[in-house]
N, C-alpha and C. Protein backbone atom coordinates (compact mmCIF):
# COMPACT_ATOMS: atom_id res chain seq x y z
N MET A 1 -4.35 -7.19 58.21
CA MET A 1 -3.11 -7.62 57.60
C MET A 1 -2.84 -6.76 56.38
N LYS A 2 -1.59 -6.54 56.13
CA LYS A 2 -1.18 -5.75 54.98
C LYS A 2 -0.03 -6.47 54.32
N TYR A 3 -0.04 -6.42 52.99
CA TYR A 3 1.00 -7.08 52.23
C TYR A 3 1.71 -6.06 51.35
N PRO A 4 2.97 -6.33 51.01
CA PRO A 4 3.72 -5.35 50.22
C PRO A 4 3.12 -5.16 48.83
N PRO A 5 3.09 -3.92 48.35
CA PRO A 5 2.59 -3.69 47.00
C PRO A 5 3.52 -4.31 45.97
N GLY A 6 2.95 -4.72 44.86
CA GLY A 6 3.74 -5.27 43.77
C GLY A 6 3.90 -6.77 43.80
N THR A 7 3.42 -7.45 44.85
CA THR A 7 3.66 -8.90 44.95
C THR A 7 2.96 -9.68 43.85
N VAL A 8 1.71 -9.36 43.58
CA VAL A 8 0.98 -10.10 42.54
C VAL A 8 1.54 -9.74 41.17
N ARG A 9 1.82 -8.47 40.96
CA ARG A 9 2.37 -8.05 39.66
C ARG A 9 3.71 -8.73 39.40
N ALA A 10 4.53 -8.86 40.44
CA ALA A 10 5.82 -9.53 40.27
C ALA A 10 5.63 -11.01 39.95
N LEU A 11 4.65 -11.64 40.57
CA LEU A 11 4.39 -13.06 40.30
C LEU A 11 3.95 -13.32 38.87
N LEU A 12 3.31 -12.34 38.25
CA LEU A 12 2.84 -12.54 36.88
C LEU A 12 3.99 -12.78 35.91
N ASP A 13 5.18 -12.33 36.27
CA ASP A 13 6.35 -12.50 35.41
C ASP A 13 7.15 -13.75 35.74
N THR A 14 6.56 -14.68 36.50
CA THR A 14 7.27 -15.90 36.87
C THR A 14 6.62 -17.11 36.21
N PRO A 15 7.34 -18.24 36.20
CA PRO A 15 6.75 -19.47 35.65
C PRO A 15 5.71 -20.10 36.57
N HIS A 16 5.45 -19.49 37.72
CA HIS A 16 4.44 -20.03 38.63
C HIS A 16 3.01 -19.76 38.15
N VAL A 17 2.85 -18.87 37.19
CA VAL A 17 1.53 -18.50 36.67
C VAL A 17 1.41 -19.00 35.24
N SER A 18 0.31 -19.69 34.94
CA SER A 18 0.11 -20.19 33.58
C SER A 18 -0.10 -19.02 32.62
N ASP A 19 0.16 -19.27 31.34
CA ASP A 19 0.01 -18.23 30.33
C ASP A 19 -1.42 -17.69 30.27
N VAL A 20 -2.39 -18.58 30.37
CA VAL A 20 -3.80 -18.16 30.30
C VAL A 20 -4.16 -17.28 31.50
N THR A 21 -3.75 -17.70 32.69
CA THR A 21 -4.03 -16.91 33.89
C THR A 21 -3.30 -15.57 33.83
N ARG A 22 -2.05 -15.60 33.39
CA ARG A 22 -1.27 -14.36 33.28
C ARG A 22 -1.97 -13.38 32.34
N ALA A 23 -2.43 -13.87 31.20
CA ALA A 23 -3.10 -12.99 30.23
C ALA A 23 -4.38 -12.39 30.82
N ALA A 24 -5.15 -13.20 31.53
CA ALA A 24 -6.40 -12.70 32.12
C ALA A 24 -6.13 -11.63 33.18
N LEU A 25 -5.17 -11.89 34.05
CA LEU A 25 -4.87 -10.93 35.11
C LEU A 25 -4.20 -9.67 34.56
N GLN A 26 -3.34 -9.83 33.58
CA GLN A 26 -2.69 -8.67 32.98
C GLN A 26 -3.71 -7.79 32.26
N ALA A 27 -4.69 -8.41 31.62
CA ALA A 27 -5.75 -7.63 30.96
C ALA A 27 -6.53 -6.81 31.98
N ARG A 28 -6.74 -7.34 33.16
CA ARG A 28 -7.44 -6.58 34.21
C ARG A 28 -6.59 -5.41 34.69
N LEU A 29 -5.29 -5.63 34.79
CA LEU A 29 -4.39 -4.55 35.20
C LEU A 29 -4.30 -3.45 34.15
N ASP A 30 -4.30 -3.84 32.88
CA ASP A 30 -4.09 -2.91 31.78
C ASP A 30 -5.38 -2.41 31.15
N ALA A 31 -6.52 -2.65 31.79
CA ALA A 31 -7.81 -2.29 31.18
C ALA A 31 -7.85 -0.80 30.85
N PRO A 32 -8.22 -0.47 29.61
CA PRO A 32 -8.33 0.94 29.23
C PRO A 32 -9.56 1.58 29.88
N ALA A 33 -9.64 2.89 29.80
CA ALA A 33 -10.83 3.59 30.29
C ALA A 33 -12.05 3.02 29.59
N TYR A 34 -13.13 2.89 30.32
CA TYR A 34 -14.32 2.21 29.81
C TYR A 34 -15.46 3.20 29.60
N GLU A 35 -16.15 3.06 28.49
CA GLU A 35 -17.35 3.83 28.20
C GLU A 35 -18.54 2.88 28.31
N PRO A 36 -19.57 3.24 29.07
CA PRO A 36 -20.70 2.32 29.24
C PRO A 36 -21.40 2.02 27.92
N GLN A 37 -21.82 0.77 27.79
CA GLN A 37 -22.53 0.32 26.60
C GLN A 37 -23.96 -0.09 26.92
N PHE A 38 -24.21 -0.51 28.14
CA PHE A 38 -25.55 -0.93 28.54
C PHE A 38 -26.30 0.21 29.22
N PHE A 39 -25.70 0.81 30.21
CA PHE A 39 -26.34 1.88 30.98
C PHE A 39 -26.19 3.22 30.27
N ASP A 40 -27.17 4.10 30.47
CA ASP A 40 -26.99 5.48 30.03
C ASP A 40 -26.03 6.15 31.02
N ALA A 41 -25.55 7.33 30.67
CA ALA A 41 -24.51 7.99 31.46
C ALA A 41 -24.95 8.23 32.91
N ASP A 42 -26.20 8.66 33.12
CA ASP A 42 -26.66 8.94 34.48
C ASP A 42 -26.74 7.67 35.32
N SER A 43 -27.27 6.60 34.74
CA SER A 43 -27.37 5.33 35.47
C SER A 43 -25.99 4.76 35.78
N TYR A 44 -25.06 4.95 34.84
CA TYR A 44 -23.70 4.46 35.05
C TYR A 44 -23.02 5.21 36.19
N ARG A 45 -23.22 6.52 36.26
CA ARG A 45 -22.66 7.30 37.37
C ARG A 45 -23.30 6.87 38.69
N LEU A 46 -24.59 6.62 38.67
CA LEU A 46 -25.28 6.16 39.87
C LEU A 46 -24.73 4.81 40.32
N LEU A 47 -24.55 3.89 39.38
CA LEU A 47 -23.97 2.59 39.70
C LEU A 47 -22.57 2.76 40.30
N GLY A 48 -21.78 3.66 39.74
CA GLY A 48 -20.45 3.92 40.27
C GLY A 48 -20.48 4.43 41.71
N ALA A 49 -21.43 5.33 41.99
CA ALA A 49 -21.55 5.87 43.35
C ALA A 49 -21.99 4.79 44.33
N VAL A 50 -22.90 3.93 43.90
CA VAL A 50 -23.35 2.83 44.77
C VAL A 50 -22.19 1.88 45.04
N CYS A 51 -21.46 1.51 44.00
CA CYS A 51 -20.31 0.61 44.17
C CYS A 51 -19.26 1.23 45.09
N GLN A 52 -19.07 2.53 45.00
CA GLN A 52 -18.10 3.21 45.86
C GLN A 52 -18.51 3.15 47.33
N ARG A 53 -19.79 3.13 47.60
CA ARG A 53 -20.25 2.99 48.99
C ARG A 53 -20.13 1.54 49.45
N LEU A 54 -20.37 0.59 48.56
CA LEU A 54 -20.31 -0.82 48.94
C LEU A 54 -18.86 -1.28 49.15
N LEU A 55 -17.98 -0.86 48.26
CA LEU A 55 -16.57 -1.23 48.33
C LEU A 55 -15.74 0.03 48.12
N PRO A 56 -15.59 0.85 49.15
CA PRO A 56 -14.89 2.14 49.00
C PRO A 56 -13.45 1.95 48.53
N GLN A 57 -13.06 2.80 47.58
CA GLN A 57 -11.70 2.74 47.03
C GLN A 57 -11.08 4.12 46.95
N THR A 58 -11.46 5.00 47.83
CA THR A 58 -10.97 6.37 47.74
C THR A 58 -9.44 6.46 47.82
N GLU A 59 -8.82 5.55 48.55
CA GLU A 59 -7.36 5.60 48.70
C GLU A 59 -6.64 5.14 47.43
N ARG A 60 -7.33 4.49 46.53
CA ARG A 60 -6.69 3.99 45.31
C ARG A 60 -6.46 5.08 44.27
N GLY A 61 -7.27 6.11 44.28
CA GLY A 61 -7.13 7.17 43.28
C GLY A 61 -7.28 6.62 41.87
N ALA A 62 -6.28 6.89 41.04
CA ALA A 62 -6.34 6.47 39.63
C ALA A 62 -6.30 4.96 39.46
N GLU A 63 -5.87 4.24 40.50
CA GLU A 63 -5.81 2.78 40.40
C GLU A 63 -7.08 2.10 40.92
N ALA A 64 -8.16 2.84 41.08
CA ALA A 64 -9.42 2.24 41.54
C ALA A 64 -9.87 1.18 40.55
N ILE A 65 -10.36 0.08 41.08
CA ILE A 65 -10.86 -1.01 40.25
C ILE A 65 -12.23 -0.60 39.73
N ASP A 66 -12.41 -0.66 38.42
CA ASP A 66 -13.63 -0.17 37.77
C ASP A 66 -14.74 -1.21 37.84
N LEU A 67 -15.42 -1.26 38.97
CA LEU A 67 -16.50 -2.23 39.18
C LEU A 67 -17.68 -1.99 38.25
N PRO A 68 -18.12 -0.74 38.05
CA PRO A 68 -19.25 -0.53 37.13
C PRO A 68 -18.97 -1.03 35.72
N ALA A 69 -17.72 -0.93 35.28
CA ALA A 69 -17.38 -1.40 33.93
C ALA A 69 -17.65 -2.90 33.80
N GLY A 70 -17.27 -3.67 34.80
CA GLY A 70 -17.50 -5.11 34.74
C GLY A 70 -18.97 -5.46 34.70
N ILE A 71 -19.77 -4.74 35.48
CA ILE A 71 -21.21 -4.98 35.50
C ILE A 71 -21.83 -4.58 34.17
N ASP A 72 -21.47 -3.40 33.68
CA ASP A 72 -22.00 -2.91 32.40
C ASP A 72 -21.63 -3.86 31.26
N ARG A 73 -20.38 -4.27 31.24
CA ARG A 73 -19.90 -5.17 30.18
C ARG A 73 -20.70 -6.48 30.19
N ARG A 74 -20.92 -7.03 31.36
CA ARG A 74 -21.66 -8.29 31.46
C ARG A 74 -23.11 -8.11 31.00
N LEU A 75 -23.75 -7.07 31.46
CA LEU A 75 -25.14 -6.84 31.08
C LEU A 75 -25.27 -6.57 29.59
N PHE A 76 -24.33 -5.82 29.02
CA PHE A 76 -24.36 -5.52 27.59
C PHE A 76 -24.24 -6.80 26.77
N SER A 77 -23.37 -7.71 27.22
CA SER A 77 -23.15 -8.96 26.48
C SER A 77 -24.28 -9.96 26.68
N GLY A 78 -25.12 -9.72 27.68
CA GLY A 78 -26.23 -10.64 27.95
C GLY A 78 -25.83 -11.85 28.76
N GLN A 79 -24.61 -11.87 29.28
CA GLN A 79 -24.16 -13.00 30.10
C GLN A 79 -24.88 -13.00 31.44
N ALA A 80 -25.08 -14.18 31.96
CA ALA A 80 -25.66 -14.35 33.29
C ALA A 80 -25.03 -15.58 33.92
N ASP A 81 -25.27 -15.77 35.21
CA ASP A 81 -24.67 -16.92 35.87
C ASP A 81 -25.54 -18.17 35.82
N GLY A 82 -26.64 -18.11 35.08
CA GLY A 82 -27.45 -19.30 34.84
C GLY A 82 -28.58 -19.51 35.82
N TRP A 83 -28.74 -18.62 36.77
CA TRP A 83 -29.85 -18.75 37.72
C TRP A 83 -30.17 -17.36 38.25
N ARG A 84 -31.33 -17.22 38.85
CA ARG A 84 -31.70 -15.99 39.53
C ARG A 84 -32.80 -16.31 40.52
N TYR A 85 -32.96 -15.45 41.51
CA TYR A 85 -34.06 -15.61 42.46
C TYR A 85 -35.37 -15.42 41.71
N ASP A 86 -36.38 -16.19 42.09
CA ASP A 86 -37.67 -16.08 41.40
C ASP A 86 -38.36 -14.75 41.65
N VAL A 87 -37.94 -14.01 42.67
CA VAL A 87 -38.53 -12.70 42.94
C VAL A 87 -37.85 -11.58 42.16
N LEU A 88 -36.80 -11.92 41.40
CA LEU A 88 -36.10 -10.92 40.61
C LEU A 88 -36.38 -11.13 39.13
N PRO A 89 -36.53 -10.04 38.38
CA PRO A 89 -36.62 -10.17 36.93
C PRO A 89 -35.25 -10.51 36.36
N PRO A 90 -35.14 -10.76 35.06
CA PRO A 90 -33.82 -10.98 34.46
C PRO A 90 -32.85 -9.84 34.81
N ASP A 91 -31.56 -10.15 34.78
CA ASP A 91 -30.53 -9.23 35.28
C ASP A 91 -30.63 -7.82 34.72
N ARG A 92 -30.79 -7.70 33.41
CA ARG A 92 -30.82 -6.37 32.81
C ARG A 92 -31.95 -5.53 33.41
N GLU A 93 -33.12 -6.13 33.49
CA GLU A 93 -34.28 -5.42 34.05
C GLU A 93 -34.09 -5.17 35.54
N ALA A 94 -33.53 -6.15 36.25
CA ALA A 94 -33.31 -5.99 37.69
C ALA A 94 -32.38 -4.82 37.98
N TYR A 95 -31.31 -4.68 37.20
CA TYR A 95 -30.39 -3.57 37.43
C TYR A 95 -31.05 -2.23 37.11
N ARG A 96 -31.79 -2.16 36.02
CA ARG A 96 -32.46 -0.89 35.69
C ARG A 96 -33.46 -0.51 36.77
N LEU A 97 -34.29 -1.48 37.18
CA LEU A 97 -35.28 -1.20 38.22
C LEU A 97 -34.61 -0.91 39.56
N GLY A 98 -33.60 -1.70 39.90
CA GLY A 98 -32.93 -1.53 41.19
C GLY A 98 -32.24 -0.18 41.32
N LEU A 99 -31.54 0.24 40.27
CA LEU A 99 -30.89 1.55 40.33
C LEU A 99 -31.94 2.66 40.35
N GLY A 100 -33.02 2.48 39.60
CA GLY A 100 -34.11 3.44 39.68
C GLY A 100 -34.71 3.48 41.07
N GLY A 101 -34.81 2.33 41.70
CA GLY A 101 -35.31 2.26 43.07
C GLY A 101 -34.40 2.97 44.06
N VAL A 102 -33.10 2.83 43.88
CA VAL A 102 -32.14 3.54 44.74
C VAL A 102 -32.37 5.05 44.60
N GLN A 103 -32.56 5.50 43.38
CA GLN A 103 -32.80 6.93 43.14
C GLN A 103 -34.12 7.38 43.79
N GLN A 104 -35.16 6.56 43.65
CA GLN A 104 -36.45 6.88 44.28
C GLN A 104 -36.33 6.95 45.80
N THR A 105 -35.59 6.03 46.36
CA THR A 105 -35.40 6.01 47.82
C THR A 105 -34.66 7.26 48.28
N ALA A 106 -33.63 7.66 47.54
CA ALA A 106 -32.90 8.89 47.88
C ALA A 106 -33.84 10.09 47.85
N GLN A 107 -34.68 10.14 46.84
CA GLN A 107 -35.63 11.25 46.72
C GLN A 107 -36.63 11.23 47.88
N ALA A 108 -37.13 10.03 48.21
CA ALA A 108 -38.13 9.91 49.28
C ALA A 108 -37.54 10.26 50.65
N GLN A 109 -36.31 9.83 50.88
CA GLN A 109 -35.70 10.05 52.20
C GLN A 109 -35.09 11.44 52.36
N PHE A 110 -34.50 11.96 51.27
CA PHE A 110 -33.72 13.20 51.40
C PHE A 110 -34.07 14.27 50.36
N GLN A 111 -35.02 13.99 49.48
CA GLN A 111 -35.45 14.93 48.45
C GLN A 111 -34.30 15.39 47.56
N GLN A 112 -33.35 14.49 47.31
CA GLN A 112 -32.22 14.77 46.43
C GLN A 112 -31.83 13.51 45.69
N ASP A 113 -31.13 13.71 44.57
CA ASP A 113 -30.56 12.57 43.85
C ASP A 113 -29.51 11.89 44.74
N PHE A 114 -29.36 10.60 44.56
CA PHE A 114 -28.38 9.83 45.32
C PHE A 114 -26.99 10.44 45.20
N LEU A 115 -26.62 10.88 44.00
CA LEU A 115 -25.27 11.41 43.77
C LEU A 115 -24.99 12.68 44.56
N LEU A 116 -26.03 13.40 44.96
CA LEU A 116 -25.85 14.66 45.69
C LEU A 116 -25.84 14.47 47.21
N LEU A 117 -26.10 13.26 47.66
CA LEU A 117 -26.16 12.99 49.10
C LEU A 117 -24.77 12.87 49.69
N SER A 118 -24.67 13.10 50.98
CA SER A 118 -23.41 12.84 51.69
C SER A 118 -23.20 11.32 51.75
N ALA A 119 -21.99 10.92 52.06
CA ALA A 119 -21.69 9.49 52.18
C ALA A 119 -22.59 8.84 53.23
N ALA A 120 -22.81 9.51 54.35
CA ALA A 120 -23.67 8.95 55.41
C ALA A 120 -25.11 8.80 54.92
N GLN A 121 -25.60 9.77 54.17
CA GLN A 121 -26.96 9.67 53.63
C GLN A 121 -27.06 8.56 52.59
N GLN A 122 -26.04 8.45 51.74
CA GLN A 122 -26.03 7.36 50.76
C GLN A 122 -26.06 6.01 51.47
N ASP A 123 -25.31 5.90 52.55
CA ASP A 123 -25.31 4.65 53.32
C ASP A 123 -26.69 4.37 53.92
N GLN A 124 -27.40 5.41 54.34
CA GLN A 124 -28.75 5.22 54.87
C GLN A 124 -29.69 4.70 53.78
N VAL A 125 -29.57 5.24 52.59
CA VAL A 125 -30.39 4.76 51.47
C VAL A 125 -30.09 3.29 51.21
N LEU A 126 -28.81 2.95 51.12
CA LEU A 126 -28.44 1.56 50.82
C LEU A 126 -28.81 0.62 51.96
N ALA A 127 -28.76 1.10 53.19
CA ALA A 127 -29.18 0.27 54.33
C ALA A 127 -30.67 -0.04 54.23
N ALA A 128 -31.47 0.92 53.79
CA ALA A 128 -32.91 0.69 53.62
C ALA A 128 -33.16 -0.32 52.50
N VAL A 129 -32.38 -0.21 51.42
CA VAL A 129 -32.51 -1.18 50.33
C VAL A 129 -32.14 -2.57 50.85
N GLN A 130 -31.02 -2.67 51.54
CA GLN A 130 -30.56 -3.95 52.08
C GLN A 130 -31.59 -4.57 53.02
N ALA A 131 -32.23 -3.75 53.82
CA ALA A 131 -33.22 -4.24 54.79
C ALA A 131 -34.58 -4.53 54.16
N GLY A 132 -34.76 -4.08 52.92
CA GLY A 132 -36.06 -4.28 52.27
C GLY A 132 -37.11 -3.29 52.73
N THR A 133 -36.68 -2.19 53.31
CA THR A 133 -37.62 -1.18 53.82
C THR A 133 -37.57 0.12 53.01
N ALA A 134 -36.91 0.09 51.87
CA ALA A 134 -36.73 1.30 51.06
C ALA A 134 -38.04 1.77 50.45
N PRO A 135 -38.36 3.07 50.58
CA PRO A 135 -39.54 3.59 49.92
C PRO A 135 -39.31 3.74 48.42
N GLY A 136 -40.39 3.66 47.66
CA GLY A 136 -40.33 3.83 46.21
C GLY A 136 -41.13 2.75 45.52
N ASP A 137 -41.93 3.13 44.53
CA ASP A 137 -42.81 2.15 43.89
C ASP A 137 -42.06 1.15 43.01
N LEU A 138 -40.83 1.48 42.59
CA LEU A 138 -40.07 0.51 41.79
C LEU A 138 -39.73 -0.74 42.60
N TRP A 139 -39.68 -0.61 43.93
CA TRP A 139 -39.39 -1.78 44.77
C TRP A 139 -40.55 -2.77 44.77
N LEU A 140 -41.69 -2.40 44.21
CA LEU A 140 -42.79 -3.35 44.03
C LEU A 140 -42.52 -4.28 42.85
N LYS A 141 -41.60 -3.86 41.97
CA LYS A 141 -41.27 -4.64 40.77
C LYS A 141 -39.99 -5.45 40.91
N VAL A 142 -39.16 -5.08 41.86
CA VAL A 142 -37.90 -5.79 42.10
C VAL A 142 -37.68 -5.84 43.61
N ASP A 143 -37.41 -7.01 44.13
CA ASP A 143 -37.20 -7.19 45.57
C ASP A 143 -35.92 -6.47 45.99
N ALA A 144 -36.07 -5.49 46.86
CA ALA A 144 -34.93 -4.65 47.27
C ALA A 144 -33.81 -5.46 47.91
N ARG A 145 -34.16 -6.34 48.83
CA ARG A 145 -33.12 -7.12 49.53
C ARG A 145 -32.34 -8.00 48.56
N ARG A 146 -33.06 -8.67 47.67
CA ARG A 146 -32.38 -9.55 46.72
C ARG A 146 -31.55 -8.74 45.72
N PHE A 147 -32.07 -7.60 45.28
CA PHE A 147 -31.28 -6.75 44.39
C PHE A 147 -29.98 -6.33 45.07
N PHE A 148 -30.09 -5.87 46.32
CA PHE A 148 -28.90 -5.46 47.07
C PHE A 148 -27.91 -6.62 47.16
N GLU A 149 -28.42 -7.79 47.51
CA GLU A 149 -27.56 -8.98 47.65
C GLU A 149 -26.84 -9.30 46.34
N GLU A 150 -27.58 -9.26 45.24
CA GLU A 150 -26.98 -9.58 43.93
C GLU A 150 -25.95 -8.53 43.52
N LEU A 151 -26.25 -7.27 43.73
CA LEU A 151 -25.31 -6.20 43.39
C LEU A 151 -24.05 -6.30 44.24
N LEU A 152 -24.21 -6.49 45.53
CA LEU A 152 -23.05 -6.62 46.41
C LEU A 152 -22.20 -7.83 46.03
N ALA A 153 -22.84 -8.94 45.74
CA ALA A 153 -22.10 -10.15 45.35
C ALA A 153 -21.32 -9.92 44.06
N GLU A 154 -21.97 -9.33 43.06
CA GLU A 154 -21.28 -9.11 41.79
C GLU A 154 -20.13 -8.12 41.95
N ALA A 155 -20.34 -7.06 42.69
CA ALA A 155 -19.27 -6.08 42.91
C ALA A 155 -18.10 -6.72 43.65
N THR A 156 -18.39 -7.57 44.63
CA THR A 156 -17.33 -8.23 45.40
C THR A 156 -16.55 -9.20 44.53
N ILE A 157 -17.25 -9.96 43.71
CA ILE A 157 -16.58 -10.90 42.80
C ILE A 157 -15.66 -10.14 41.85
N LEU A 158 -16.16 -9.06 41.26
CA LEU A 158 -15.34 -8.26 40.35
C LEU A 158 -14.13 -7.68 41.08
N TYR A 159 -14.35 -7.21 42.29
CA TYR A 159 -13.26 -6.60 43.06
C TYR A 159 -12.15 -7.61 43.33
N TYR A 160 -12.51 -8.74 43.89
CA TYR A 160 -11.48 -9.70 44.29
C TYR A 160 -10.96 -10.57 43.15
N SER A 161 -11.49 -10.40 41.96
CA SER A 161 -10.89 -11.07 40.81
C SER A 161 -9.82 -10.19 40.17
N HIS A 162 -9.64 -9.00 40.70
CA HIS A 162 -8.65 -8.07 40.17
C HIS A 162 -7.32 -8.24 40.92
N PRO A 163 -6.20 -8.23 40.20
CA PRO A 163 -4.90 -8.43 40.85
C PRO A 163 -4.59 -7.45 41.97
N LEU A 164 -5.04 -6.20 41.88
CA LEU A 164 -4.73 -5.24 42.94
C LEU A 164 -5.45 -5.60 44.24
N ALA A 165 -6.66 -6.10 44.14
CA ALA A 165 -7.39 -6.54 45.34
C ALA A 165 -6.76 -7.81 45.89
N GLN A 166 -6.33 -8.70 45.01
CA GLN A 166 -5.68 -9.93 45.45
C GLN A 166 -4.39 -9.58 46.20
N GLU A 167 -3.71 -8.58 45.70
CA GLU A 167 -2.47 -8.13 46.34
C GLU A 167 -2.74 -7.60 47.75
N GLU A 168 -3.86 -6.90 47.93
CA GLU A 168 -4.22 -6.35 49.24
C GLU A 168 -4.33 -7.43 50.31
N ILE A 169 -4.85 -8.58 49.92
CA ILE A 169 -5.10 -9.64 50.90
C ILE A 169 -4.03 -10.73 50.88
N GLY A 170 -2.99 -10.53 50.07
CA GLY A 170 -1.90 -11.49 50.02
C GLY A 170 -2.26 -12.77 49.29
N TYR A 171 -3.27 -12.71 48.42
CA TYR A 171 -3.70 -13.90 47.69
C TYR A 171 -2.80 -14.14 46.49
N VAL A 172 -2.22 -15.33 46.43
CA VAL A 172 -1.39 -15.69 45.29
C VAL A 172 -1.75 -17.08 44.78
N GLY A 173 -2.98 -17.48 44.99
CA GLY A 173 -3.43 -18.81 44.57
C GLY A 173 -3.35 -19.04 43.08
N MET A 174 -3.27 -17.96 42.30
CA MET A 174 -3.14 -18.12 40.86
C MET A 174 -1.75 -18.59 40.46
N ALA A 175 -0.80 -18.49 41.37
CA ALA A 175 0.58 -18.90 41.10
C ALA A 175 0.76 -20.34 41.54
N ASP A 176 0.08 -21.25 40.85
CA ASP A 176 0.01 -22.63 41.31
C ASP A 176 0.87 -23.61 40.52
N LEU A 177 1.83 -23.10 39.78
CA LEU A 177 2.72 -23.98 39.03
C LEU A 177 4.09 -24.00 39.70
N PRO A 178 4.75 -25.10 39.85
CA PRO A 178 4.30 -26.43 39.46
C PRO A 178 3.23 -26.99 40.38
N ALA A 179 3.29 -26.67 41.67
CA ALA A 179 2.26 -27.11 42.62
C ALA A 179 2.58 -26.49 43.97
N TRP A 180 1.61 -26.55 44.87
CA TRP A 180 1.85 -26.10 46.24
C TRP A 180 2.33 -27.31 47.03
N THR A 181 3.49 -27.20 47.68
CA THR A 181 4.03 -28.33 48.44
C THR A 181 4.06 -28.06 49.94
N ARG A 182 4.11 -26.81 50.32
CA ARG A 182 4.14 -26.46 51.75
C ARG A 182 2.73 -26.12 52.17
N ILE A 183 2.01 -27.14 52.63
CA ILE A 183 0.58 -26.96 52.91
C ILE A 183 0.24 -27.14 54.39
N GLY A 184 1.23 -27.23 55.23
CA GLY A 184 0.98 -27.37 56.67
C GLY A 184 0.64 -26.02 57.30
N LEU A 185 0.20 -26.08 58.55
CA LEU A 185 -0.11 -24.86 59.27
C LEU A 185 1.12 -23.96 59.37
N ASP A 186 0.92 -22.69 59.09
CA ASP A 186 1.97 -21.67 59.17
C ASP A 186 3.16 -21.93 58.25
N GLU A 187 3.00 -22.79 57.26
CA GLU A 187 4.05 -22.98 56.26
C GLU A 187 3.77 -22.01 55.11
N ARG A 188 4.85 -21.49 54.54
CA ARG A 188 4.70 -20.51 53.48
C ARG A 188 5.62 -20.87 52.33
N GLU A 189 5.07 -20.85 51.12
CA GLU A 189 5.88 -21.04 49.92
C GLU A 189 6.73 -19.79 49.70
N GLU A 190 7.85 -19.96 49.03
CA GLU A 190 8.72 -18.81 48.73
C GLU A 190 7.98 -17.73 47.95
N ARG A 191 7.05 -18.15 47.09
CA ARG A 191 6.34 -17.19 46.24
C ARG A 191 5.22 -16.45 46.97
N GLU A 192 4.90 -16.85 48.20
CA GLU A 192 3.85 -16.18 48.96
C GLU A 192 4.42 -14.94 49.65
N PRO A 193 3.66 -13.84 49.65
CA PRO A 193 4.17 -12.62 50.28
C PRO A 193 4.16 -12.73 51.80
N GLN A 194 5.10 -12.03 52.41
CA GLN A 194 5.16 -11.93 53.87
C GLN A 194 4.26 -10.77 54.28
N GLU A 195 3.52 -10.97 55.32
CA GLU A 195 2.68 -9.90 55.86
C GLU A 195 3.58 -8.78 56.39
N VAL A 196 3.19 -7.53 56.11
CA VAL A 196 3.90 -6.37 56.63
C VAL A 196 3.35 -6.07 58.00
N LYS A 197 4.22 -5.97 58.98
CA LYS A 197 3.76 -5.74 60.36
C LYS A 197 3.98 -4.32 60.79
């Protein structure tokens, strides 16, 4: 399914979106260029390359959603979601070890840094991490499968909390004022976008 561009941005200027929600979504749209505060430059580039393989955005160009920025910002602030798998260290350590493990796996499989690999080779590295079969001694300190799961989940949450991603899937649930009244099957509110066929 495809939805017309601009639908979410247009909704932000209507009374269907609360002021607080509008401010949060507009801040995501207007986010300035980000400089990493938690990761060093090399780790940040590695995180960006991994995120690009997990949620490719090559067609977005300059409008790519900056997933590494959201992860870096959260880790720098020390925020967490209040729980973690018992096989994972705290988030900051898990990310450092996990990204180091990705780099070790790339070296073990292809004798090159992850950033220098082809997209297909990068996918092979990440598939090994996802399967828990990735070579590298750092994976003895952080569970590869759980790290992959946590990274993918966080990247996905960041992606779909952004208005441009919401626009891609026709999501307008943030425009809930005054209320949704057309809730039957195949009923559509006026403010909901029509699928482009």
